[in-house]
Amino acid sequence: MYEWHYNLIFTTQYGYPLSPTNFSRRWFRPLLREAGISDSFTFHQLRHYHASVLLEAGVPVKVVSERLGHASAKMTLDVYAPVIDHQQDKAVAALEEYMKD
């Protein structure tokens, strides 16, 4: 018998890839409603939120890039430049704090 493996997180009950529409309609939107979040929030926006929070927390761009599956850290830098630019303020504050000691 042919052995297959998709290595997916979200699958049908038989292990096949889910249709994005079915995933949103059956699972994602009901979870949003339960959490009191607007139905207009998309799964893709959750991906952006995840990346932005990691970058704001100071996680290295290379690590975030790998988590997102980007081909390079440059791609992540290009997409998330506004979040990364905000890190400059944190860097200056950290340096000022260090210099006080």
PDB file of N, CA and C in Angstrom:
ATOM      1  N   MET A   1       0.840  -1.188   0.000  1.00  0.00           N
ATOM      2  CA  MET A   1       0.000   0.000   0.000  1.00  0.00           C
ATOM      3  C   MET A   1       0.881   1.246   0.000  1.00  0.00           C
ATOM      4  N   TYR A   2       0.440   2.284  -0.707  1.00  0.00           N
ATOM      5  CA  TYR A   2       1.177   3.537  -0.796  1.00  0.00           C
ATOM      6  C   TYR A   2       1.092   4.278   0.537  1.00  0.00           C
ATOM      7  N   GLU A   3       2.220   4.666   1.063  1.00  0.00           N
ATOM      8  CA  GLU A   3       2.301   5.407   2.326  1.00  0.00           C
ATOM      9  C   GLU A   3       2.388   6.893   2.018  1.00  0.00           C
ATOM     10  N   TRP A   4       1.525   7.711   2.575  1.00  0.00           N
ATOM     11  CA  TRP A   4       1.580   9.156   2.376  1.00  0.00           C
ATOM     12  C   TRP A   4       1.555   9.840   3.723  1.00  0.00           C
ATOM     13  N   HIS A   5       2.068  11.042   3.716  1.00  0.00           N
ATOM     14  CA  HIS A   5       2.081  11.826   4.946  1.00  0.00           C
ATOM     15  C   HIS A   5       2.180  13.293   4.566  1.00  0.00           C
ATOM     16  N   TYR A   6       1.178  14.075   4.956  1.00  0.00           N
ATOM     17  CA  TYR A   6       1.158  15.493   4.613  1.00  0.00           C
ATOM     18  C   TYR A   6       1.874  16.367   5.639  1.00  0.00           C
ATOM     19  N   ASN A   7       2.053  15.879   6.868  1.00  0.00           N
ATOM     20  CA  ASN A   7       2.711  16.638   7.927  1.00  0.00           C
ATOM     21  C   ASN A   7       1.973  17.949   8.201  1.00  0.00           C
ATOM     22  N   LEU A   8       0.651  17.859   8.355  1.00  0.00           N
ATOM     23  CA  LEU A   8      -0.188  19.033   8.575  1.00  0.00           C
ATOM     24  C   LEU A   8      -0.703  19.076  10.005  1.00  0.00           C
ATOM     25  N   ILE A   9      -1.050  20.273  10.449  1.00  0.00           N
ATOM     26  CA  ILE A   9      -1.633  20.436  11.780  1.00  0.00           C
ATOM     27  C   ILE A   9      -3.142  20.241  11.712  1.00  0.00           C
ATOM     28  N   PHE A  10      -3.782  20.876  10.736  1.00  0.00           N
ATOM     29  CA  PHE A  10      -5.229  20.787  10.577  1.00  0.00           C
ATOM     30  C   PHE A  10      -5.548  19.885   9.401  1.00  0.00           C
ATOM     31  N   THR A  11      -6.253  18.789   9.658  1.00  0.00           N
ATOM     32  CA  THR A  11      -6.600  17.836   8.608  1.00  0.00           C
ATOM     33  C   THR A  11      -8.057  17.410   8.743  1.00  0.00           C
ATOM     34  N   THR A  12      -8.545  16.712   7.727  1.00  0.00           N
ATOM     35  CA  THR A  12      -9.851  16.078   7.836  1.00  0.00           C
ATOM     36  C   THR A  12      -9.699  14.909   8.799  1.00  0.00           C
ATOM     37  N   GLN A  13     -10.788  14.260   9.102  1.00  0.00           N
ATOM     38  CA  GLN A  13     -10.721  13.110  10.010  1.00  0.00           C
ATOM     39  C   GLN A  13      -9.911  11.960   9.409  1.00  0.00           C
ATOM     40  N   TYR A  14      -9.642  12.028   8.105  1.00  0.00           N
ATOM     41  CA  TYR A  14      -8.873  10.990   7.435  1.00  0.00           C
ATOM     42  C   TYR A  14      -7.419  11.396   7.187  1.00  0.00           C
ATOM     43  N   GLY A  15      -7.037  12.580   7.664  1.00  0.00           N
ATOM     44  CA  GLY A  15      -5.657  13.019   7.530  1.00  0.00           C
ATOM     45  C   GLY A  15      -5.336  13.800   6.271  1.00  0.00           C
ATOM     46  N   TYR A  16      -6.364  14.114   5.486  1.00  0.00           N
ATOM     47  CA  TYR A  16      -6.154  14.883   4.258  1.00  0.00           C
ATOM     48  C   TYR A  16      -6.199  16.384   4.557  1.00  0.00           C
ATOM     49  N   PRO A  17      -5.647  17.220   3.661  1.00  0.00           N
ATOM     50  CA  PRO A  17      -5.690  18.666   3.888  1.00  0.00           C
ATOM     51  C   PRO A  17      -7.123  19.186   3.950  1.00  0.00           C
ATOM     52  N   LEU A  18      -7.353  20.133   4.840  1.00  0.00           N
ATOM     53  CA  LEU A  18      -8.658  20.778   4.945  1.00  0.00           C
ATOM     54  C   LEU A  18      -8.805  21.839   3.863  1.00  0.00           C
ATOM     55  N   SER A  19      -9.995  22.010   3.408  1.00  0.00           N
ATOM     56  CA  SER A  19     -10.309  23.137   2.545  1.00  0.00           C
ATOM     57  C   SER A  19     -10.293  24.386   3.424  1.00  0.00           C
ATOM     58  N   PRO A  20      -9.638  25.463   3.001  1.00  0.00           N
ATOM     59  CA  PRO A  20      -9.623  26.680   3.820  1.00  0.00           C
ATOM     60  C   PRO A  20     -11.030  27.183   4.158  1.00  0.00           C
ATOM     61  N   THR A  21     -11.941  27.081   3.214  1.00  0.00           N
ATOM     62  CA  THR A  21     -13.320  27.529   3.457  1.00  0.00           C
ATOM     63  C   THR A  21     -13.968  26.692   4.552  1.00  0.00           C
ATOM     64  N   ASN A  22     -13.808  25.370   4.459  1.00  0.00           N
ATOM     65  CA  ASN A  22     -14.392  24.509   5.481  1.00  0.00           C
ATOM     66  C   ASN A  22     -13.763  24.762   6.846  1.00  0.00           C
ATOM     67  N   PHE A  23     -12.456  24.965   6.883  1.00  0.00           N
ATOM     68  CA  PHE A  23     -11.783  25.235   8.152  1.00  0.00           C
ATOM     69  C   PHE A  23     -12.355  26.496   8.795  1.00  0.00           C
ATOM     70  N   SER A  24     -12.472  27.561   7.999  1.00  0.00           N
ATOM     71  CA  SER A  24     -12.991  28.827   8.542  1.00  0.00           C
ATOM     72  C   SER A  24     -14.431  28.681   9.007  1.00  0.00           C
ATOM     73  N   ARG A  25     -15.244  28.100   8.169  1.00  0.00           N
ATOM     74  CA  ARG A  25     -16.677  27.994   8.481  1.00  0.00           C
ATOM     75  C   ARG A  25     -16.950  27.072   9.665  1.00  0.00           C
ATOM     76  N   ARG A  26     -16.292  25.933   9.701  1.00  0.00           N
ATOM     77  CA  ARG A  26     -16.604  24.936  10.731  1.00  0.00           C
ATOM     78  C   ARG A  26     -15.887  25.145  12.062  1.00  0.00           C
ATOM     79  N   TRP A  27     -14.667  25.683  12.018  1.00  0.00           N
ATOM     80  CA  TRP A  27     -13.883  25.749  13.252  1.00  0.00           C
ATOM     81  C   TRP A  27     -13.431  27.158  13.628  1.00  0.00           C
ATOM     82  N   PHE A  28     -12.832  27.870  12.689  1.00  0.00           N
ATOM     83  CA  PHE A  28     -12.225  29.149  13.037  1.00  0.00           C
ATOM     84  C   PHE A  28     -13.264  30.200  13.421  1.00  0.00           C
ATOM     85  N   ARG A  29     -14.286  30.409  12.601  1.00  0.00           N
ATOM     86  CA  ARG A  29     -15.291  31.429  12.911  1.00  0.00           C
ATOM     87  C   ARG A  29     -16.059  31.124  14.193  1.00  0.00           C
ATOM     88  N   PRO A  30     -16.450  29.868  14.445  1.00  0.00           N
ATOM     89  CA  PRO A  30     -17.099  29.594  15.731  1.00  0.00           C
ATOM     90  C   PRO A  30     -16.189  29.906  16.932  1.00  0.00           C
ATOM     91  N   LEU A  31     -14.892  29.653  16.787  1.00  0.00           N
ATOM     92  CA  LEU A  31     -13.965  29.995  17.874  1.00  0.00           C
ATOM     93  C   LEU A  31     -13.882  31.504  18.069  1.00  0.00           C
ATOM     94  N   LEU A  32     -13.893  32.251  16.962  1.00  0.00           N
ATOM     95  CA  LEU A  32     -13.882  33.712  17.060  1.00  0.00           C
ATOM     96  C   LEU A  32     -15.117  34.208  17.798  1.00  0.00           C
ATOM     97  N   ARG A  33     -16.286  33.681  17.417  1.00  0.00           N
ATOM     98  CA  ARG A  33     -17.530  34.090  18.081  1.00  0.00           C
ATOM     99  C   ARG A  33     -17.480  33.787  19.571  1.00  0.00           C
ATOM    100  N   GLU A  34     -17.002  32.606  19.906  1.00  0.00           N
ATOM    101  CA  GLU A  34     -16.903  32.189  21.309  1.00  0.00           C
ATOM    102  C   GLU A  34     -15.969  33.116  22.101  1.00  0.00           C
ATOM    103  N   ALA A  35     -14.927  33.607  21.432  1.00  0.00           N
ATOM    104  CA  ALA A  35     -13.965  34.497  22.085  1.00  0.00           C
ATOM    105  C   ALA A  35     -14.406  35.963  22.026  1.00  0.00           C
ATOM    106  N   GLY A  36     -15.523  36.234  21.363  1.00  0.00           N
ATOM    107  CA  GLY A  36     -16.008  37.604  21.263  1.00  0.00           C
ATOM    108  C   GLY A  36     -15.238  38.452  20.266  1.00  0.00           C
ATOM    109  N   ILE A  37     -14.640  37.806  19.270  1.00  0.00           N
ATOM    110  CA  ILE A  37     -13.862  38.497  18.238  1.00  0.00           C
ATOM    111  C   ILE A  37     -14.685  38.554  16.959  1.00  0.00           C
ATOM    112  N   SER A  38     -14.594  39.660  16.260  1.00  0.00           N
ATOM    113  CA  SER A  38     -15.354  39.862  15.028  1.00  0.00           C
ATOM    114  C   SER A  38     -15.095  38.755  14.005  1.00  0.00           C
ATOM    115  N   ASP A  39     -16.147  38.368  13.298  1.00  0.00           N
ATOM    116  CA  ASP A  39     -16.039  37.371  12.226  1.00  0.00           C
ATOM    117  C   ASP A  39     -15.166  37.852  11.079  1.00  0.00           C
ATOM    118  N   SER A  40     -14.915  39.150  11.019  1.00  0.00           N
ATOM    119  CA  SER A  40     -14.106  39.673   9.921  1.00  0.00           C
ATOM    120  C   SER A  40     -12.618  39.381  10.113  1.00  0.00           C
ATOM    121  N   PHE A  41     -12.228  38.958  11.316  1.00  0.00           N
ATOM    122  CA  PHE A  41     -10.838  38.597  11.583  1.00  0.00           C
ATOM    123  C   PHE A  41     -10.533  37.313  10.821  1.00  0.00           C
ATOM    124  N   THR A  42      -9.431  37.288  10.062  1.00  0.00           N
ATOM    125  CA  THR A  42      -9.114  36.118   9.247  1.00  0.00           C
ATOM    126  C   THR A  42      -7.978  35.306   9.863  1.00  0.00           C
ATOM    127  N   PHE A  43      -7.879  34.077   9.426  1.00  0.00           N
ATOM    128  CA  PHE A  43      -6.801  33.211   9.901  1.00  0.00           C
ATOM    129  C   PHE A  43      -5.450  33.795   9.500  1.00  0.00           C
ATOM    130  N   HIS A  44      -5.384  34.403   8.324  1.00  0.00           N
ATOM    131  CA  HIS A  44      -4.135  35.007   7.857  1.00  0.00           C
ATOM    132  C   HIS A  44      -3.737  36.194   8.751  1.00  0.00           C
ATOM    133  N   GLN A  45      -4.719  36.943   9.230  1.00  0.00           N
ATOM    134  CA  GLN A  45      -4.428  38.039  10.157  1.00  0.00           C
ATOM    135  C   GLN A  45      -3.837  37.502  11.459  1.00  0.00           C
ATOM    136  N   LEU A  46      -4.255  36.324  11.857  1.00  0.00           N
ATOM    137  CA  LEU A  46      -3.693  35.688  13.049  1.00  0.00           C
ATOM    138  C   LEU A  46      -2.204  35.419  12.846  1.00  0.00           C
ATOM    139  N   ARG A  47      -1.831  35.046  11.643  1.00  0.00           N
ATOM    140  CA  ARG A  47      -0.420  34.826  11.300  1.00  0.00           C
ATOM    141  C   ARG A  47       0.376  36.125  11.449  1.00  0.00           C
ATOM    142  N   HIS A  48      -0.182  37.224  10.938  1.00  0.00           N
ATOM    143  CA  HIS A  48       0.484  38.529  11.062  1.00  0.00           C
ATOM    144  C   HIS A  48       0.587  38.953  12.526  1.00  0.00           C
ATOM    145  N   TYR A  49      -0.471  38.718  13.262  1.00  0.00           N
ATOM    146  CA  TYR A  49      -0.466  39.074  14.686  1.00  0.00           C
ATOM    147  C   TYR A  49       0.629  38.289  15.409  1.00  0.00           C
ATOM    148  N   HIS A  50       0.712  37.007  15.131  1.00  0.00           N
ATOM    149  CA  HIS A  50       1.725  36.139  15.729  1.00  0.00           C
ATOM    150  C   HIS A  50       3.128  36.683  15.455  1.00  0.00           C
ATOM    151  N   ALA A  51       3.406  37.012  14.210  1.00  0.00           N
ATOM    152  CA  ALA A  51       4.720  37.528  13.833  1.00  0.00           C
ATOM    153  C   ALA A  51       4.998  38.866  14.509  1.00  0.00           C
ATOM    154  N   SER A  52       4.017  39.746  14.527  1.00  0.00           N
ATOM    155  CA  SER A  52       4.197  41.067  15.124  1.00  0.00           C
ATOM    156  C   SER A  52       4.483  40.974  16.621  1.00  0.00           C
ATOM    157  N   VAL A  53       3.745  40.112  17.303  1.00  0.00           N
ATOM    158  CA  VAL A  53       3.959  39.947  18.747  1.00  0.00           C
ATOM    159  C   VAL A  53       5.355  39.392  19.027  1.00  0.00           C
ATOM    160  N   LEU A  54       5.783  38.417  18.235  1.00  0.00           N
ATOM    161  CA  LEU A  54       7.126  37.869  18.430  1.00  0.00           C
ATOM    162  C   LEU A  54       8.191  38.937  18.211  1.00  0.00           C
ATOM    163  N   LEU A  55       8.045  39.727  17.164  1.00  0.00           N
ATOM    164  CA  LEU A  55       9.029  40.778  16.884  1.00  0.00           C
ATOM    165  C   LEU A  55       9.020  41.847  17.973  1.00  0.00           C
ATOM    166  N   GLU A  56       7.832  42.232  18.437  1.00  0.00           N
ATOM    167  CA  GLU A  56       7.724  43.211  19.525  1.00  0.00           C
ATOM    168  C   GLU A  56       8.380  42.681  20.803  1.00  0.00           C
ATOM    169  N   ALA A  57       8.324  41.375  20.993  1.00  0.00           N
ATOM    170  CA  ALA A  57       8.914  40.762  22.188  1.00  0.00           C
ATOM    171  C   ALA A  57      10.429  40.619  22.063  1.00  0.00           C
ATOM    172  N   GLY A  58      10.965  40.983  20.910  1.00  0.00           N
ATOM    173  CA  GLY A  58      12.410  40.935  20.728  1.00  0.00           C
ATOM    174  C   GLY A  58      12.945  39.623  20.183  1.00  0.00           C
ATOM    175  N   VAL A  59      12.065  38.766  19.689  1.00  0.00           N
ATOM    176  CA  VAL A  59      12.509  37.513  19.082  1.00  0.00           C
ATOM    177  C   VAL A  59      13.269  37.867  17.799  1.00  0.00           C
ATOM    178  N   PRO A  60      14.427  37.277  17.580  1.00  0.00           N
ATOM    179  CA  PRO A  60      15.216  37.610  16.384  1.00  0.00           C
ATOM    180  C   PRO A  60      14.441  37.382  15.081  1.00  0.00           C
ATOM    181  N   VAL A  61      14.666  38.273  14.139  1.00  0.00           N
ATOM    182  CA  VAL A  61      13.977  38.217  12.845  1.00  0.00           C
ATOM    183  C   VAL A  61      14.183  36.860  12.180  1.00  0.00           C
ATOM    184  N   LYS A  62      15.364  36.308  12.276  1.00  0.00           N
ATOM    185  CA  LYS A  62      15.652  35.010  11.654  1.00  0.00           C
ATOM    186  C   LYS A  62      14.721  33.923  12.198  1.00  0.00           C
ATOM    187  N   VAL A  63      14.490  33.945  13.503  1.00  0.00           N
ATOM    188  CA  VAL A  63      13.612  32.949  14.125  1.00  0.00           C
ATOM    189  C   VAL A  63      12.175  33.141  13.643  1.00  0.00           C
ATOM    190  N   VAL A  64      11.710  34.386  13.619  1.00  0.00           N
ATOM    191  CA  VAL A  64      10.350  34.670  13.162  1.00  0.00           C
ATOM    192  C   VAL A  64      10.203  34.266  11.694  1.00  0.00           C
ATOM    193  N   SER A  65      11.204  34.577  10.903  1.00  0.00           N
ATOM    194  CA  SER A  65      11.193  34.221   9.487  1.00  0.00           C
ATOM    195  C   SER A  65      11.046  32.714   9.292  1.00  0.00           C
ATOM    196  N   GLU A  66      11.787  31.952  10.075  1.00  0.00           N
ATOM    197  CA  GLU A  66      11.703  30.488   9.979  1.00  0.00           C
ATOM    198  C   GLU A  66      10.325  29.991  10.392  1.00  0.00           C
ATOM    199  N   ARG A  67       9.759  30.579  11.449  1.00  0.00           N
ATOM    200  CA  ARG A  67       8.427  30.158  11.908  1.00  0.00           C
ATOM    201  C   ARG A  67       7.362  30.428  10.849  1.00  0.00           C
ATOM    202  N   LEU A  68       7.538  31.534  10.110  1.00  0.00           N
ATOM    203  CA  LEU A  68       6.566  31.888   9.082  1.00  0.00           C
ATOM    204  C   LEU A  68       6.784  31.132   7.777  1.00  0.00           C
ATOM    205  N   GLY A  69       7.936  30.497   7.651  1.00  0.00           N
ATOM    206  CA  GLY A  69       8.240  29.774   6.428  1.00  0.00           C
ATOM    207  C   GLY A  69       8.691  30.676   5.297  1.00  0.00           C
ATOM    208  N   HIS A  70       9.158  31.884   5.653  1.00  0.00           N
ATOM    209  CA  HIS A  70       9.661  32.790   4.617  1.00  0.00           C
ATOM    210  C   HIS A  70      10.964  32.259   4.040  1.00  0.00           C
ATOM    211  N   ALA A  71      11.197  32.577   2.788  1.00  0.00           N
ATOM    212  CA  ALA A  71      12.404  32.110   2.104  1.00  0.00           C
ATOM    213  C   ALA A  71      13.659  32.741   2.693  1.00  0.00           C
ATOM    214  N   SER A  72      13.512  33.940   3.253  1.00  0.00           N
ATOM    215  CA  SER A  72      14.667  34.616   3.828  1.00  0.00           C
ATOM    216  C   SER A  72      14.208  35.585   4.911  1.00  0.00           C
ATOM    217  N   ALA A  73      15.143  35.972   5.770  1.00  0.00           N
ATOM    218  CA  ALA A  73      14.844  36.979   6.788  1.00  0.00           C
ATOM    219  C   ALA A  73      14.556  38.321   6.128  1.00  0.00           C
ATOM    220  N   LYS A  74      15.110  38.554   4.940  1.00  0.00           N
ATOM    221  CA  LYS A  74      14.857  39.805   4.218  1.00  0.00           C
ATOM    222  C   LYS A  74      13.371  39.967   3.919  1.00  0.00           C
ATOM    223  N   MET A  75      12.730  38.882   3.544  1.00  0.00           N
ATOM    224  CA  MET A  75      11.297  38.950   3.265  1.00  0.00           C
ATOM    225  C   MET A  75      10.535  39.373   4.521  1.00  0.00           C
ATOM    226  N   THR A  76      10.898  38.795   5.659  1.00  0.00           N
ATOM    227  CA  THR A  76      10.260  39.150   6.921  1.00  0.00           C
ATOM    228  C   THR A  76      10.526  40.616   7.250  1.00  0.00           C
ATOM    229  N   LEU A  77      11.769  41.046   7.050  1.00  0.00           N
ATOM    230  CA  LEU A  77      12.118  42.449   7.291  1.00  0.00           C
ATOM    231  C   LEU A  77      11.300  43.380   6.412  1.00  0.00           C
ATOM    232  N   ASP A  78      11.113  43.023   5.153  1.00  0.00           N
ATOM    233  CA  ASP A  78      10.342  43.855   4.226  1.00  0.00           C
ATOM    234  C   ASP A  78       8.879  43.974   4.656  1.00  0.00           C
ATOM    235  N   VAL A  79       8.282  42.860   5.089  1.00  0.00           N
ATOM    236  CA  VAL A  79       6.864  42.849   5.447  1.00  0.00           C
ATOM    237  C   VAL A  79       6.625  43.514   6.804  1.00  0.00           C
ATOM    238  N   TYR A  80       7.512  43.266   7.744  1.00  0.00           N
ATOM    239  CA  TYR A  80       7.290  43.721   9.120  1.00  0.00           C
ATOM    240  C   TYR A  80       8.190  44.886   9.526  1.00  0.00           C
ATOM    241  N   ALA A  81       8.647  45.663   8.571  1.00  0.00           N
ATOM    242  CA  ALA A  81       9.535  46.798   8.853  1.00  0.00           C
ATOM    243  C   ALA A  81       8.965  47.760   9.901  1.00  0.00           C
ATOM    244  N   PRO A  82       7.671  48.120   9.848  1.00  0.00           N
ATOM    245  CA  PRO A  82       7.156  49.053  10.859  1.00  0.00           C
ATOM    246  C   PRO A  82       7.284  48.510  12.291  1.00  0.00           C
ATOM    247  N   VAL A  83       7.062  47.224  12.469  1.00  0.00           N
ATOM    248  CA  VAL A  83       7.189  46.622  13.798  1.00  0.00           C
ATOM    249  C   VAL A  83       8.651  46.634  14.228  1.00  0.00           C
ATOM    250  N   ILE A  84       9.530  46.305  13.301  1.00  0.00           N
ATOM    251  CA  ILE A  84      10.956  46.237  13.598  1.00  0.00           C
ATOM    252  C   ILE A  84      11.511  47.633  13.863  1.00  0.00           C
ATOM    253  N   ASP A  85      11.046  48.632  13.122  1.00  0.00           N
ATOM    254  CA  ASP A  85      11.495  50.008  13.339  1.00  0.00           C
ATOM    255  C   ASP A  85      11.176  50.468  14.762  1.00  0.00           C
ATOM    256  N   HIS A  86      10.062  50.003  15.287  1.00  0.00           N
ATOM    257  CA  HIS A  86       9.672  50.353  16.654  1.00  0.00           C
ATOM    258  C   HIS A  86      10.702  49.823  17.663  1.00  0.00           C
ATOM    259  N   GLN A  87      11.407  48.776  17.295  1.00  0.00           N
ATOM    260  CA  GLN A  87      12.422  48.197  18.175  1.00  0.00           C
ATOM    261  C   GLN A  87      13.574  49.168  18.414  1.00  0.00           C
ATOM    262  N   GLN A  88      13.769  50.129  17.514  1.00  0.00           N
ATOM    263  CA  GLN A  88      14.835  51.118  17.693  1.00  0.00           C
ATOM    264  C   GLN A  88      14.642  51.887  18.996  1.00  0.00           C
ATOM    265  N   ASP A  89      13.398  52.231  19.315  1.00  0.00           N
ATOM    266  CA  ASP A  89      13.112  52.944  20.562  1.00  0.00           C
ATOM    267  C   ASP A  89      13.509  52.101  21.769  1.00  0.00           C
ATOM    268  N   LYS A  90      13.208  50.811  21.696  1.00  0.00           N
ATOM    269  CA  LYS A  90      13.572  49.908  22.795  1.00  0.00           C
ATOM    270  C   LYS A  90      15.083  49.785  22.924  1.00  0.00           C
ATOM    271  N   ALA A  91      15.775  49.770  21.789  1.00  0.00           N
ATOM    272  CA  ALA A  91      17.235  49.660  21.813  1.00  0.00           C
ATOM    273  C   ALA A  91      17.857  50.884  22.476  1.00  0.00           C
ATOM    274  N   VAL A  92      17.352  52.064  22.150  1.00  0.00           N
ATOM    275  CA  VAL A  92      17.871  53.302  22.740  1.00  0.00           C
ATOM    276  C   VAL A  92      17.597  53.307  24.240  1.00  0.00           C
ATOM    277  N   ALA A  93      16.399  52.915  24.640  1.00  0.00           N
ATOM    278  CA  ALA A  93      16.053  52.877  26.062  1.00  0.00           C
ATOM    279  C   ALA A  93      16.940  51.887  26.814  1.00  0.00           C
ATOM    280  N   ALA A  94      17.191  50.738  26.210  1.00  0.00           N
ATOM    281  CA  ALA A  94      18.056  49.739  26.850  1.00  0.00           C
ATOM    282  C   ALA A  94      19.481  50.256  27.004  1.00  0.00           C
ATOM    283  N   LEU A  95      19.973  50.944  25.992  1.00  0.00           N
ATOM    284  CA  LEU A  95      21.303  51.505  26.048  1.00  0.00           C
ATOM    285  C   LEU A  95      21.400  52.589  27.128  1.00  0.00           C
ATOM    286  N   GLU A  96      20.391  53.460  27.180  1.00  0.00           N
ATOM    287  CA  GLU A  96      20.363  54.501  28.212  1.00  0.00           C
ATOM    288  C   GLU A  96      20.359  53.886  29.598  1.00  0.00           C
ATOM    289  N   GLU A  97      19.576  52.848  29.792  1.00  0.00           N
ATOM    290  CA  GLU A  97      19.487  52.173  31.090  1.00  0.00           C
ATOM    291  C   GLU A  97      20.827  51.544  31.445  1.00  0.00           C
ATOM    292  N   TYR A  98      21.480  50.954  30.487  1.00  0.00           N
ATOM    293  CA  TYR A  98      22.784  50.322  30.710  1.00  0.00           C
ATOM    294  C   TYR A  98      23.835  51.364  31.094  1.00  0.00           C
ATOM    295  N   MET A  99      23.775  52.500  30.428  1.00  0.00           N
ATOM    296  CA  MET A  99      24.780  53.561  30.663  1.00  0.00           C
ATOM    297  C   MET A  99      24.625  54.202  32.040  1.00  0.00           C
ATOM    298  N   LYS A 100      23.443  54.133  32.640  1.00  0.00           N
ATOM    299  CA  LYS A 100      23.213  54.698  33.968  1.00  0.00           C
ATOM    300  C   LYS A 100      24.004  53.939  35.037  1.00  0.00           C
ATOM    301  N   ASP A 101      24.175  52.655  34.835  1.00  0.00           N
ATOM    302  CA  ASP A 101      24.828  51.812  35.848  1.00  0.00           C
ATOM    303  C   ASP A 101      26.297  51.982  35.886  1.00  0.00           C
TER     304      ASP A 101
END
